[in-house]
Amino acid sequence: MASLEYLGMLPFLLLIALAGIQLGIAAYCGSQAATAARTAARTAAQPAPDGGEEAGRRAGVNAVSGWVNPDITWPQYDQWTVKATATVRVPSVLPGLRLIDPVRRSATMPKEDTTP
């Protein structure tokens, strides 16, 4: 009798486990997006030849796990600061179902002063 009750509850237990895994993946993607944004902004704030938008984009992508694949944009890039925004798509544990929107994180860094 107890095994029948367990079998009846099994779908609910699996659903709760999948929800927990999905939330964990979303939190990890948020952390990775923040790392990518900080690294991209920090690198882009450096003077040439080591800095700039393209160097920042490469550094941001290389700073995170390979499967995360962030999209890095530059909403603010003026003479004093660099702001990078990293967007990471959160994969779903259930194929074909998108439950969580992409995660966006931004970081702003001051440009390095290169005056002597």
PDB file of N, CA and C in Angstrom:
ATOM      1  N   MET A   1       0.815  -1.194   0.000  1.00  0.00           N
ATOM      2  CA  MET A   1       0.000   0.000   0.000  1.00  0.00           C
ATOM      3  C   MET A   1       0.862   1.262   0.000  1.00  0.00           C
ATOM      4  N   ALA A   2       1.936   1.229   0.773  1.00  0.00           N
ATOM      5  CA  ALA A   2       2.815   2.399   0.844  1.00  0.00           C
ATOM      6  C   ALA A   2       3.499   2.646  -0.500  1.00  0.00           C
ATOM      7  N   SER A   3       3.808   1.558  -1.208  1.00  0.00           N
ATOM      8  CA  SER A   3       4.468   1.738  -2.502  1.00  0.00           C
ATOM      9  C   SER A   3       3.521   2.367  -3.521  1.00  0.00           C
ATOM     10  N   LEU A   4       2.230   2.074  -3.437  1.00  0.00           N
ATOM     11  CA  LEU A   4       1.263   2.717  -4.333  1.00  0.00           C
ATOM     12  C   LEU A   4       1.148   4.212  -4.038  1.00  0.00           C
ATOM     13  N   GLU A   5       1.191   4.568  -2.758  1.00  0.00           N
ATOM     14  CA  GLU A   5       1.151   5.985  -2.401  1.00  0.00           C
ATOM     15  C   GLU A   5       2.404   6.698  -2.908  1.00  0.00           C
ATOM     16  N   TYR A   6       3.542   6.016  -2.799  1.00  0.00           N
ATOM     17  CA  TYR A   6       4.794   6.590  -3.285  1.00  0.00           C
ATOM     18  C   TYR A   6       4.742   6.796  -4.798  1.00  0.00           C
ATOM     19  N   LEU A   7       4.220   5.814  -5.519  1.00  0.00           N
ATOM     20  CA  LEU A   7       4.097   5.946  -6.973  1.00  0.00           C
ATOM     21  C   LEU A   7       3.155   7.081  -7.352  1.00  0.00           C
ATOM     22  N   GLY A   8       2.132   7.311  -6.552  1.00  0.00           N
ATOM     23  CA  GLY A   8       1.217   8.416  -6.823  1.00  0.00           C
ATOM     24  C   GLY A   8       1.865   9.772  -6.602  1.00  0.00           C
ATOM     25  N   MET A   9       2.799   9.849  -5.655  1.00  0.00           N
ATOM     26  CA  MET A   9       3.477  11.113  -5.358  1.00  0.00           C
ATOM     27  C   MET A   9       4.707  11.345  -6.229  1.00  0.00           C
ATOM     28  N   LEU A  10       5.181  10.316  -6.906  1.00  0.00           N
ATOM     29  CA  LEU A  10       6.413  10.413  -7.687  1.00  0.00           C
ATOM     30  C   LEU A  10       6.389  11.525  -8.737  1.00  0.00           C
ATOM     31  N   PRO A  11       5.312  11.706  -9.507  1.00  0.00           N
ATOM     32  CA  PRO A  11       5.316  12.814 -10.475  1.00  0.00           C
ATOM     33  C   PRO A  11       5.478  14.185  -9.813  1.00  0.00           C
ATOM     34  N   PHE A  12       4.867  14.381  -8.659  1.00  0.00           N
ATOM     35  CA  PHE A  12       5.004  15.662  -7.956  1.00  0.00           C
ATOM     36  C   PHE A  12       6.428  15.859  -7.451  1.00  0.00           C
ATOM     37  N   LEU A  13       7.027  14.790  -6.949  1.00  0.00           N
ATOM     38  CA  LEU A  13       8.404  14.879  -6.477  1.00  0.00           C
ATOM     39  C   LEU A  13       9.360  15.178  -7.625  1.00  0.00           C
ATOM     40  N   LEU A  14       9.133  14.558  -8.771  1.00  0.00           N
ATOM     41  CA  LEU A  14       9.971  14.836  -9.940  1.00  0.00           C
ATOM     42  C   LEU A  14       9.798  16.272 -10.420  1.00  0.00           C
ATOM     43  N   LEU A  15       8.577  16.778 -10.393  1.00  0.00           N
ATOM     44  CA  LEU A  15       8.321  18.161 -10.796  1.00  0.00           C
ATOM     45  C   LEU A  15       9.029  19.148  -9.870  1.00  0.00           C
ATOM     46  N   ILE A  16       9.000  18.880  -8.581  1.00  0.00           N
ATOM     47  CA  ILE A  16       9.690  19.743  -7.618  1.00  0.00           C
ATOM     48  C   ILE A  16      11.201  19.678  -7.836  1.00  0.00           C
ATOM     49  N   ALA A  17      11.728  18.499  -8.112  1.00  0.00           N
ATOM     50  CA  ALA A  17      13.160  18.357  -8.375  1.00  0.00           C
ATOM     51  C   ALA A  17      13.563  19.111  -9.637  1.00  0.00           C
ATOM     52  N   LEU A  18      12.759  18.995 -10.699  1.00  0.00           N
ATOM     53  CA  LEU A  18      13.064  19.722 -11.936  1.00  0.00           C
ATOM     54  C   LEU A  18      12.998  21.231 -11.735  1.00  0.00           C
ATOM     55  N   ALA A  19      12.046  21.698 -10.935  1.00  0.00           N
ATOM     56  CA  ALA A  19      11.954  23.134 -10.648  1.00  0.00           C
ATOM     57  C   ALA A  19      13.188  23.608  -9.890  1.00  0.00           C
ATOM     58  N   GLY A  20      13.663  22.820  -8.954  1.00  0.00           N
ATOM     59  CA  GLY A  20      14.878  23.175  -8.220  1.00  0.00           C
ATOM     60  C   GLY A  20      16.095  23.222  -9.118  1.00  0.00           C
ATOM     61  N   ILE A  21      16.210  22.251 -10.009  1.00  0.00           N
ATOM     62  CA  ILE A  21      17.326  22.238 -10.958  1.00  0.00           C
ATOM     63  C   ILE A  21      17.249  23.448 -11.881  1.00  0.00           C
ATOM     64  N   GLN A  22      16.051  23.790 -12.357  1.00  0.00           N
ATOM     65  CA  GLN A  22      15.877  24.937 -13.249  1.00  0.00           C
ATOM     66  C   GLN A  22      16.275  26.238 -12.548  1.00  0.00           C
ATOM     67  N   LEU A  23      15.879  26.393 -11.294  1.00  0.00           N
ATOM     68  CA  LEU A  23      16.261  27.594 -10.547  1.00  0.00           C
ATOM     69  C   LEU A  23      17.770  27.651 -10.321  1.00  0.00           C
ATOM     70  N   GLY A  24      18.386  26.520 -10.093  1.00  0.00           N
ATOM     71  CA  GLY A  24      19.841  26.481  -9.947  1.00  0.00           C
ATOM     72  C   GLY A  24      20.554  26.884 -11.223  1.00  0.00           C
ATOM     73  N   ILE A  25      20.062  26.416 -12.362  1.00  0.00           N
ATOM     74  CA  ILE A  25      20.647  26.796 -13.651  1.00  0.00           C
ATOM     75  C   ILE A  25      20.472  28.290 -13.889  1.00  0.00           C
ATOM     76  N   ALA A  26      19.311  28.837 -13.550  1.00  0.00           N
ATOM     77  CA  ALA A  26      19.068  30.273 -13.728  1.00  0.00           C
ATOM     78  C   ALA A  26      20.009  31.100 -12.853  1.00  0.00           C
ATOM     79  N   ALA A  27      20.222  30.671 -11.623  1.00  0.00           N
ATOM     80  CA  ALA A  27      21.142  31.387 -10.735  1.00  0.00           C
ATOM     81  C   ALA A  27      22.570  31.322 -11.263  1.00  0.00           C
ATOM     82  N   TYR A  28      22.976  30.172 -11.769  1.00  0.00           N
ATOM     83  CA  TYR A  28      24.314  30.025 -12.336  1.00  0.00           C
ATOM     84  C   TYR A  28      24.486  30.924 -13.558  1.00  0.00           C
ATOM     85  N   CYS A  29      23.479  30.985 -14.410  1.00  0.00           N
ATOM     86  CA  CYS A  29      23.547  31.853 -15.591  1.00  0.00           C
ATOM     87  C   CYS A  29      23.631  33.321 -15.184  1.00  0.00           C
ATOM     88  N   GLY A  30      22.936  33.708 -14.123  1.00  0.00           N
ATOM     89  CA  GLY A  30      23.030  35.079 -13.629  1.00  0.00           C
ATOM     90  C   GLY A  30      24.426  35.410 -13.139  1.00  0.00           C
ATOM     91  N   SER A  31      25.026  34.484 -12.428  1.00  0.00           N
ATOM     92  CA  SER A  31      26.391  34.673 -11.948  1.00  0.00           C
ATOM     93  C   SER A  31      27.374  34.769 -13.114  1.00  0.00           C
ATOM     94  N   GLN A  32      27.207  33.922 -14.101  1.00  0.00           N
ATOM     95  CA  GLN A  32      28.087  33.945 -15.265  1.00  0.00           C
ATOM     96  C   GLN A  32      27.907  35.224 -16.080  1.00  0.00           C
ATOM     97  N   ALA A  33      26.675  35.724 -16.188  1.00  0.00           N
ATOM     98  CA  ALA A  33      26.431  36.982 -16.902  1.00  0.00           C
ATOM     99  C   ALA A  33      27.116  38.142 -16.191  1.00  0.00           C
ATOM    100  N   ALA A  34      27.077  38.159 -14.861  1.00  0.00           N
ATOM    101  CA  ALA A  34      27.750  39.215 -14.104  1.00  0.00           C
ATOM    102  C   ALA A  34      29.259  39.152 -14.304  1.00  0.00           C
ATOM    103  N   THR A  35      29.816  37.956 -14.308  1.00  0.00           N
ATOM    104  CA  THR A  35      31.252  37.796 -14.541  1.00  0.00           C
ATOM    105  C   THR A  35      31.633  38.281 -15.930  1.00  0.00           C
ATOM    106  N   ALA A  36      30.843  37.921 -16.930  1.00  0.00           N
ATOM    107  CA  ALA A  36      31.130  38.346 -18.303  1.00  0.00           C
ATOM    108  C   ALA A  36      31.051  39.863 -18.436  1.00  0.00           C
ATOM    109  N   ALA A  37      30.046  40.488 -17.830  1.00  0.00           N
ATOM    110  CA  ALA A  37      29.891  41.942 -17.927  1.00  0.00           C
ATOM    111  C   ALA A  37      31.049  42.659 -17.245  1.00  0.00           C
ATOM    112  N   ARG A  38      31.432  42.217 -16.053  1.00  0.00           N
ATOM    113  CA  ARG A  38      32.547  42.858 -15.338  1.00  0.00           C
ATOM    114  C   ARG A  38      33.850  42.729 -16.110  1.00  0.00           C
ATOM    115  N   THR A  39      34.124  41.536 -16.604  1.00  0.00           N
ATOM    116  CA  THR A  39      35.366  41.313 -17.332  1.00  0.00           C
ATOM    117  C   THR A  39      35.396  42.115 -18.626  1.00  0.00           C
ATOM    118  N   ALA A  40      34.277  42.151 -19.340  1.00  0.00           N
ATOM    119  CA  ALA A  40      34.216  42.906 -20.592  1.00  0.00           C
ATOM    120  C   ALA A  40      34.413  44.397 -20.341  1.00  0.00           C
ATOM    121  N   ALA A  41      33.750  44.936 -19.325  1.00  0.00           N
ATOM    122  CA  ALA A  41      33.886  46.368 -19.035  1.00  0.00           C
ATOM    123  C   ALA A  41      35.298  46.703 -18.571  1.00  0.00           C
ATOM    124  N   ARG A  42      35.873  45.863 -17.734  1.00  0.00           N
ATOM    125  CA  ARG A  42      37.229  46.112 -17.238  1.00  0.00           C
ATOM    126  C   ARG A  42      38.243  46.092 -18.381  1.00  0.00           C
ATOM    127  N   THR A  43      38.110  45.139 -19.281  1.00  0.00           N
ATOM    128  CA  THR A  43      39.046  45.045 -20.399  1.00  0.00           C
ATOM    129  C   THR A  43      38.833  46.179 -21.392  1.00  0.00           C
ATOM    130  N   ALA A  44      37.583  46.516 -21.680  1.00  0.00           N
ATOM    131  CA  ALA A  44      37.305  47.592 -22.634  1.00  0.00           C
ATOM    132  C   ALA A  44      37.754  48.948 -22.108  1.00  0.00           C
ATOM    133  N   ALA A  45      37.854  49.103 -20.786  1.00  0.00           N
ATOM    134  CA  ALA A  45      38.274  50.377 -20.197  1.00  0.00           C
ATOM    135  C   ALA A  45      39.775  50.600 -20.309  1.00  0.00           C
ATOM    136  N   GLN A  46      40.521  49.578 -20.645  1.00  0.00           N
ATOM    137  CA  GLN A  46      41.970  49.722 -20.780  1.00  0.00           C
ATOM    138  C   GLN A  46      42.304  50.431 -22.084  1.00  0.00           C
ATOM    139  N   PRO A  47      43.437  51.128 -22.108  1.00  0.00           N
ATOM    140  CA  PRO A  47      43.839  51.802 -23.347  1.00  0.00           C
ATOM    141  C   PRO A  47      44.314  50.797 -24.394  1.00  0.00           C
ATOM    142  N   ALA A  48      44.361  51.250 -25.641  1.00  0.00           N
ATOM    143  CA  ALA A  48      44.842  50.403 -26.734  1.00  0.00           C
ATOM    144  C   ALA A  48      46.301  50.050 -26.477  1.00  0.00           C
ATOM    145  N   PRO A  49      46.790  48.964 -26.923  1.00  0.00           N
ATOM    146  CA  PRO A  49      46.210  47.945 -27.785  1.00  0.00           C
ATOM    147  C   PRO A  49      45.485  46.834 -27.023  1.00  0.00           C
ATOM    148  N   ASP A  50      45.529  46.866 -25.680  1.00  0.00           N
ATOM    149  CA  ASP A  50      44.922  45.780 -24.904  1.00  0.00           C
ATOM    150  C   ASP A  50      43.439  45.971 -24.639  1.00  0.00           C
ATOM    151  N   GLY A  51      42.915  47.176 -24.844  1.00  0.00           N
ATOM    152  CA  GLY A  51      41.529  47.456 -24.505  1.00  0.00           C
ATOM    153  C   GLY A  51      40.657  47.664 -25.726  1.00  0.00           C
ATOM    154  N   GLY A  52      39.480  48.236 -25.496  1.00  0.00           N
ATOM    155  CA  GLY A  52      38.537  48.498 -26.572  1.00  0.00           C
ATOM    156  C   GLY A  52      37.380  47.521 -26.563  1.00  0.00           C
ATOM    157  N   GLU A  53      36.387  47.837 -27.391  1.00  0.00           N
ATOM    158  CA  GLU A  53      35.160  47.030 -27.413  1.00  0.00           C
ATOM    159  C   GLU A  53      35.404  45.579 -27.803  1.00  0.00           C
ATOM    160  N   GLU A  54      36.146  45.368 -28.874  1.00  0.00           N
ATOM    161  CA  GLU A  54      36.335  43.993 -29.351  1.00  0.00           C
ATOM    162  C   GLU A  54      37.138  43.162 -28.352  1.00  0.00           C
ATOM    163  N   ALA A  55      38.173  43.763 -27.769  1.00  0.00           N
ATOM    164  CA  ALA A  55      38.954  43.051 -26.749  1.00  0.00           C
ATOM    165  C   ALA A  55      38.086  42.756 -25.528  1.00  0.00           C
ATOM    166  N   GLY A  56      37.225  43.702 -25.159  1.00  0.00           N
ATOM    167  CA  GLY A  56      36.316  43.487 -24.039  1.00  0.00           C
ATOM    168  C   GLY A  56      35.323  42.376 -24.313  1.00  0.00           C
ATOM    169  N   ARG A  57      34.800  42.341 -25.530  1.00  0.00           N
ATOM    170  CA  ARG A  57      33.843  41.290 -25.897  1.00  0.00           C
ATOM    171  C   ARG A  57      34.510  39.914 -25.826  1.00  0.00           C
ATOM    172  N   ARG A  58      35.709  39.816 -26.379  1.00  0.00           N
ATOM    173  CA  ARG A  58      36.431  38.533 -26.335  1.00  0.00           C
ATOM    174  C   ARG A  58      36.725  38.110 -24.896  1.00  0.00           C
ATOM    175  N   ALA A  59      37.167  39.072 -24.076  1.00  0.00           N
ATOM    176  CA  ALA A  59      37.492  38.751 -22.683  1.00  0.00           C
ATOM    177  C   ALA A  59      36.247  38.321 -21.914  1.00  0.00           C
ATOM    178  N   GLY A  60      35.123  38.984 -22.154  1.00  0.00           N
ATOM    179  CA  GLY A  60      33.881  38.620 -21.471  1.00  0.00           C
ATOM    180  C   GLY A  60      33.403  37.232 -21.838  1.00  0.00           C
ATOM    181  N   VAL A  61      33.493  36.890 -23.108  1.00  0.00           N
ATOM    182  CA  VAL A  61      33.071  35.557 -23.559  1.00  0.00           C
ATOM    183  C   VAL A  61      34.013  34.484 -23.011  1.00  0.00           C
ATOM    184  N   ASN A  62      35.309  34.784 -22.983  1.00  0.00           N
ATOM    185  CA  ASN A  62      36.283  33.797 -22.507  1.00  0.00           C
ATOM    186  C   ASN A  62      36.289  33.643 -20.989  1.00  0.00           C
ATOM    187  N   ALA A  63      35.668  34.572 -20.258  1.00  0.00           N
ATOM    188  CA  ALA A  63      35.686  34.521 -18.794  1.00  0.00           C
ATOM    189  C   ALA A  63      34.646  33.573 -18.212  1.00  0.00           C
ATOM    190  N   VAL A  64      33.750  33.056 -19.032  1.00  0.00           N
ATOM    191  CA  VAL A  64      32.661  32.220 -18.520  1.00  0.00           C
ATOM    192  C   VAL A  64      32.738  30.818 -19.114  1.00  0.00           C
ATOM    193  N   SER A  65      31.905  29.935 -18.602  1.00  0.00           N
ATOM    194  CA  SER A  65      31.843  28.560 -19.106  1.00  0.00           C
ATOM    195  C   SER A  65      31.484  28.552 -20.586  1.00  0.00           C
ATOM    196  N   GLY A  66      31.974  27.565 -21.300  1.00  0.00           N
ATOM    197  CA  GLY A  66      31.777  27.511 -22.743  1.00  0.00           C
ATOM    198  C   GLY A  66      30.332  27.392 -23.181  1.00  0.00           C
ATOM    199  N   TRP A  67      29.496  26.708 -22.426  1.00  0.00           N
ATOM    200  CA  TRP A  67      28.104  26.498 -22.845  1.00  0.00           C
ATOM    201  C   TRP A  67      27.221  27.698 -22.566  1.00  0.00           C
ATOM    202  N   VAL A  68      27.719  28.688 -21.802  1.00  0.00           N
ATOM    203  CA  VAL A  68      26.893  29.842 -21.445  1.00  0.00           C
ATOM    204  C   VAL A  68      26.711  30.776 -22.634  1.00  0.00           C
ATOM    205  N   ASN A  69      27.770  31.089 -23.372  1.00  0.00           N
ATOM    206  CA  ASN A  69      27.733  31.896 -24.596  1.00  0.00           C
ATOM    207  C   ASN A  69      27.003  33.236 -24.410  1.00  0.00           C
ATOM    208  N   PRO A  70      27.609  34.182 -23.679  1.00  0.00           N
ATOM    209  CA  PRO A  70      26.944  35.473 -23.449  1.00  0.00           C
ATOM    210  C   PRO A  70      26.971  36.370 -24.677  1.00  0.00           C
ATOM    211  N   ASP A  71      25.976  37.227 -24.774  1.00  0.00           N
ATOM    212  CA  ASP A  71      25.940  38.274 -25.797  1.00  0.00           C
ATOM    213  C   ASP A  71      26.275  39.579 -25.082  1.00  0.00           C
ATOM    214  N   ILE A  72      27.355  40.238 -25.486  1.00  0.00           N
ATOM    215  CA  ILE A  72      27.816  41.437 -24.792  1.00  0.00           C
ATOM    216  C   ILE A  72      27.547  42.656 -25.653  1.00  0.00           C
ATOM    217  N   THR A  73      26.881  43.648 -25.059  1.00  0.00           N
ATOM    218  CA  THR A  73      26.577  44.907 -25.748  1.00  0.00           C
ATOM    219  C   THR A  73      27.149  46.062 -24.932  1.00  0.00           C
ATOM    220  N   TRP A  74      27.198  47.225 -25.567  1.00  0.00           N
ATOM    221  CA  TRP A  74      27.796  48.417 -24.959  1.00  0.00           C
ATOM    222  C   TRP A  74      26.777  49.553 -24.955  1.00  0.00           C
ATOM    223  N   PRO A  75      25.871  49.603 -23.975  1.00  0.00           N
ATOM    224  CA  PRO A  75      24.872  50.676 -23.957  1.00  0.00           C
ATOM    225  C   PRO A  75      25.468  52.046 -23.647  1.00  0.00           C
ATOM    226  N   GLN A  76      26.618  52.089 -22.973  1.00  0.00           N
ATOM    227  CA  GLN A  76      27.256  53.368 -22.660  1.00  0.00           C
ATOM    228  C   GLN A  76      28.752  53.217 -22.864  1.00  0.00           C
ATOM    229  N   TYR A  77      29.292  54.040 -23.739  1.00  0.00           N
ATOM    230  CA  TYR A  77      30.723  53.985 -24.030  1.00  0.00           C
ATOM    231  C   TYR A  77      31.127  55.411 -24.350  1.00  0.00           C
ATOM    232  N   ASP A  78      31.531  56.172 -23.321  1.00  0.00           N
ATOM    233  CA  ASP A  78      31.916  57.562 -23.554  1.00  0.00           C
ATOM    234  C   ASP A  78      33.385  57.751 -23.182  1.00  0.00           C
ATOM    235  N   GLN A  79      33.806  59.000 -23.038  1.00  0.00           N
ATOM    236  CA  GLN A  79      35.228  59.233 -22.804  1.00  0.00           C
ATOM    237  C   GLN A  79      35.648  58.934 -21.367  1.00  0.00           C
ATOM    238  N   TRP A  80      34.700  58.793 -20.436  1.00  0.00           N
ATOM    239  CA  TRP A  80      35.051  58.567 -19.031  1.00  0.00           C
ATOM    240  C   TRP A  80      34.731  57.160 -18.533  1.00  0.00           C
ATOM    241  N   THR A  81      33.687  56.552 -19.028  1.00  0.00           N
ATOM    242  CA  THR A  81      33.273  55.243 -18.510  1.00  0.00           C
ATOM    243  C   THR A  81      32.929  54.274 -19.638  1.00  0.00           C
ATOM    244  N   VAL A  82      32.926  53.022 -19.272  1.00  0.00           N
ATOM    245  CA  VAL A  82      32.511  51.953 -20.179  1.00  0.00           C
ATOM    246  C   VAL A  82      31.467  51.125 -19.441  1.00  0.00           C
ATOM    247  N   LYS A  83      30.320  50.918 -20.062  1.00  0.00           N
ATOM    248  CA  LYS A  83      29.284  50.066 -19.475  1.00  0.00           C
ATOM    249  C   LYS A  83      29.053  48.891 -20.416  1.00  0.00           C
ATOM    250  N   ALA A  84      29.205  47.694 -19.879  1.00  0.00           N
ATOM    251  CA  ALA A  84      28.973  46.476 -20.655  1.00  0.00           C
ATOM    252  C   ALA A  84      27.761  45.752 -20.082  1.00  0.00           C
ATOM    253  N   THR A  85      26.927  45.241 -20.968  1.00  0.00           N
ATOM    254  CA  THR A  85      25.780  44.431 -20.561  1.00  0.00           C
ATOM    255  C   THR A  85      25.913  43.052 -21.189  1.00  0.00           C
ATOM    256  N   ALA A  86      25.863  42.028 -20.349  1.00  0.00           N
ATOM    257  CA  ALA A  86      25.940  40.645 -20.821  1.00  0.00           C
ATOM    258  C   ALA A  86      24.561  40.006 -20.690  1.00  0.00           C
ATOM    259  N   THR A  87      24.118  39.376 -21.764  1.00  0.00           N
ATOM    260  CA  THR A  87      22.836  38.676 -21.782  1.00  0.00           C
ATOM    261  C   THR A  87      23.103  37.192 -21.998  1.00  0.00           C
ATOM    262  N   VAL A  88      22.549  36.376 -21.114  1.00  0.00           N
ATOM    263  CA  VAL A  88      22.737  34.924 -21.191  1.00  0.00           C
ATOM    264  C   VAL A  88      21.368  34.264 -21.253  1.00  0.00           C
ATOM    265  N   ARG A  89      21.184  33.415 -22.240  1.00  0.00           N
ATOM    266  CA  ARG A  89      19.939  32.656 -22.367  1.00  0.00           C
ATOM    267  C   ARG A  89      19.976  31.483 -21.394  1.00  0.00           C
ATOM    268  N   VAL A  90      18.921  31.343 -20.610  1.00  0.00           N
ATOM    269  CA  VAL A  90      18.846  30.275 -19.605  1.00  0.00           C
ATOM    270  C   VAL A  90      18.286  29.023 -20.274  1.00  0.00           C
ATOM    271  N   PRO A  91      19.077  27.942 -20.338  1.00  0.00           N
ATOM    272  CA  PRO A  91      18.552  26.715 -20.942  1.00  0.00           C
ATOM    273  C   PRO A  91      17.482  26.083 -20.056  1.00  0.00           C
ATOM    274  N   SER A  92      16.573  25.384 -20.683  1.00  0.00           N
ATOM    275  CA  SER A  92      15.471  24.754 -19.961  1.00  0.00           C
ATOM    276  C   SER A  92      15.773  23.282 -19.719  1.00  0.00           C
ATOM    277  N   VAL A  93      15.338  22.777 -18.563  1.00  0.00           N
ATOM    278  CA  VAL A  93      15.511  21.348 -18.280  1.00  0.00           C
ATOM    279  C   VAL A  93      14.495  20.514 -19.049  1.00  0.00           C
ATOM    280  N   LEU A  94      13.414  21.138 -19.482  1.00  0.00           N
ATOM    281  CA  LEU A  94      12.422  20.462 -20.314  1.00  0.00           C
ATOM    282  C   LEU A  94      12.545  21.001 -21.735  1.00  0.00           C
ATOM    283  N   PRO A  95      13.012  20.188 -22.674  1.00  0.00           N
ATOM    284  CA  PRO A  95      13.216  20.666 -24.038  1.00  0.00           C
ATOM    285  C   PRO A  95      11.934  21.239 -24.645  1.00  0.00           C
ATOM    286  N   GLY A  96      12.086  22.376 -25.320  1.00  0.00           N
ATOM    287  CA  GLY A  96      10.951  23.000 -25.982  1.00  0.00           C
ATOM    288  C   GLY A  96      10.159  23.945 -25.106  1.00  0.00           C
ATOM    289  N   LEU A  97      10.493  24.037 -23.834  1.00  0.00           N
ATOM    290  CA  LEU A  97       9.766  24.902 -22.903  1.00  0.00           C
ATOM    291  C   LEU A  97      10.702  25.994 -22.408  1.00  0.00           C
ATOM    292  N   ARG A  98      10.371  27.264 -22.680  1.00  0.00           N
ATOM    293  CA  ARG A  98      11.166  28.381 -22.164  1.00  0.00           C
ATOM    294  C   ARG A  98      10.410  28.995 -21.006  1.00  0.00           C
ATOM    295  N   LEU A  99      10.862  28.710 -19.812  1.00  0.00           N
ATOM    296  CA  LEU A  99      10.174  29.178 -18.623  1.00  0.00           C
ATOM    297  C   LEU A  99      10.765  30.472 -18.072  1.00  0.00           C
ATOM    298  N   ILE A 100      12.040  30.706 -18.324  1.00  0.00           N
ATOM    299  CA  ILE A 100      12.730  31.851 -17.738  1.00  0.00           C
ATOM    300  C   ILE A 100      13.315  32.705 -18.856  1.00  0.00           C
ATOM    301  N   ASP A 101      13.108  34.019 -18.750  1.00  0.00           N
ATOM    302  CA  ASP A 101      13.660  34.955 -19.729  1.00  0.00           C
ATOM    303  C   ASP A 101      15.185  34.972 -19.632  1.00  0.00           C
ATOM    304  N   PRO A 102      15.848  35.477 -20.678  1.00  0.00           N
ATOM    305  CA  PRO A 102      17.308  35.607 -20.593  1.00  0.00           C
ATOM    306  C   PRO A 102      17.718  36.503 -19.419  1.00  0.00           C
ATOM    307  N   VAL A 103      18.871  36.217 -18.864  1.00  0.00           N
ATOM    308  CA  VAL A 103      19.393  36.967 -17.720  1.00  0.00           C
ATOM    309  C   VAL A 103      20.311  38.061 -18.243  1.00  0.00           C
ATOM    310  N   ARG A 104      20.137  39.293 -17.727  1.00  0.00           N
ATOM    311  CA  ARG A 104      20.980  40.421 -18.122  1.00  0.00           C
ATOM    312  C   ARG A 104      21.667  40.985 -16.886  1.00  0.00           C
ATOM    313  N   ARG A 105      22.962  41.226 -17.023  1.00  0.00           N
ATOM    314  CA  ARG A 105      23.729  41.876 -15.963  1.00  0.00           C
ATOM    315  C   ARG A 105      24.610  42.940 -16.610  1.00  0.00           C
ATOM    316  N   SER A 106      24.785  44.057 -15.902  1.00  0.00           N
ATOM    317  CA  SER A 106      25.591  45.166 -16.412  1.00  0.00           C
ATOM    318  C   SER A 106      26.698  45.505 -15.429  1.00  0.00           C
ATOM    319  N   ALA A 107      27.770  46.066 -15.967  1.00  0.00           N
ATOM    320  CA  ALA A 107      28.882  46.549 -15.147  1.00  0.00           C
ATOM    321  C   ALA A 107      29.427  47.814 -15.792  1.00  0.00           C
ATOM    322  N   THR A 108      29.763  48.793 -14.962  1.00  0.00           N
ATOM    323  CA  THR A 108      30.339  50.049 -15.437  1.00  0.00           C
ATOM    324  C   THR A 108      31.716  50.211 -14.815  1.00  0.00           C
ATOM    325  N   MET A 109      32.686  50.519 -15.650  1.00  0.00           N
ATOM    326  CA  MET A 109      34.058  50.730 -15.183  1.00  0.00           C
ATOM    327  C   MET A 109      34.559  52.076 -15.698  1.00  0.00           C
ATOM    328  N   PRO A 110      35.357  52.777 -14.887  1.00  0.00           N
ATOM    329  CA  PRO A 110      35.962  54.018 -15.386  1.00  0.00           C
ATOM    330  C   PRO A 110      37.095  53.686 -16.347  1.00  0.00           C
ATOM    331  N   LYS A 111      37.262  54.525 -17.358  1.00  0.00           N
ATOM    332  CA  LYS A 111      38.384  54.318 -18.273  1.00  0.00           C
ATOM    333  C   LYS A 111      39.679  54.670 -17.554  1.00  0.00           C
ATOM    334  N   GLU A 112      40.719  53.938 -17.883  1.00  0.00           N
ATOM    335  CA  GLU A 112      42.011  54.198 -17.260  1.00  0.00           C
ATOM    336  C   GLU A 112      42.570  55.511 -17.764  1.00  0.00           C
ATOM    337  N   ASP A 113      43.132  56.272 -16.849  1.00  0.00           N
ATOM    338  CA  ASP A 113      43.743  57.548 -17.207  1.00  0.00           C
ATOM    339  C   ASP A 113      45.140  57.280 -17.746  1.00  0.00           C
ATOM    340  N   THR A 114      45.373  57.647 -18.979  1.00  0.00           N
ATOM    341  CA  THR A 114      46.673  57.388 -19.600  1.00  0.00           C
ATOM    342  C   THR A 114      47.497  58.650 -19.763  1.00  0.00           C
ATOM    343  N   THR A 115      47.059  59.757 -19.145  1.00  0.00           N
ATOM    344  CA  THR A 115      47.841  60.993 -19.257  1.00  0.00           C
ATOM    345  C   THR A 115      49.073  60.895 -18.366  1.00  0.00           C
ATOM    346  N   PRO A 116      50.204  61.405 -18.837  1.00  0.00           N
ATOM    347  CA  PRO A 116      51.449  61.305 -18.047  1.00  0.00           C
ATOM    348  C   PRO A 116      51.454  62.233 -16.858  1.00  0.00           C
TER     349      PRO A 116
END
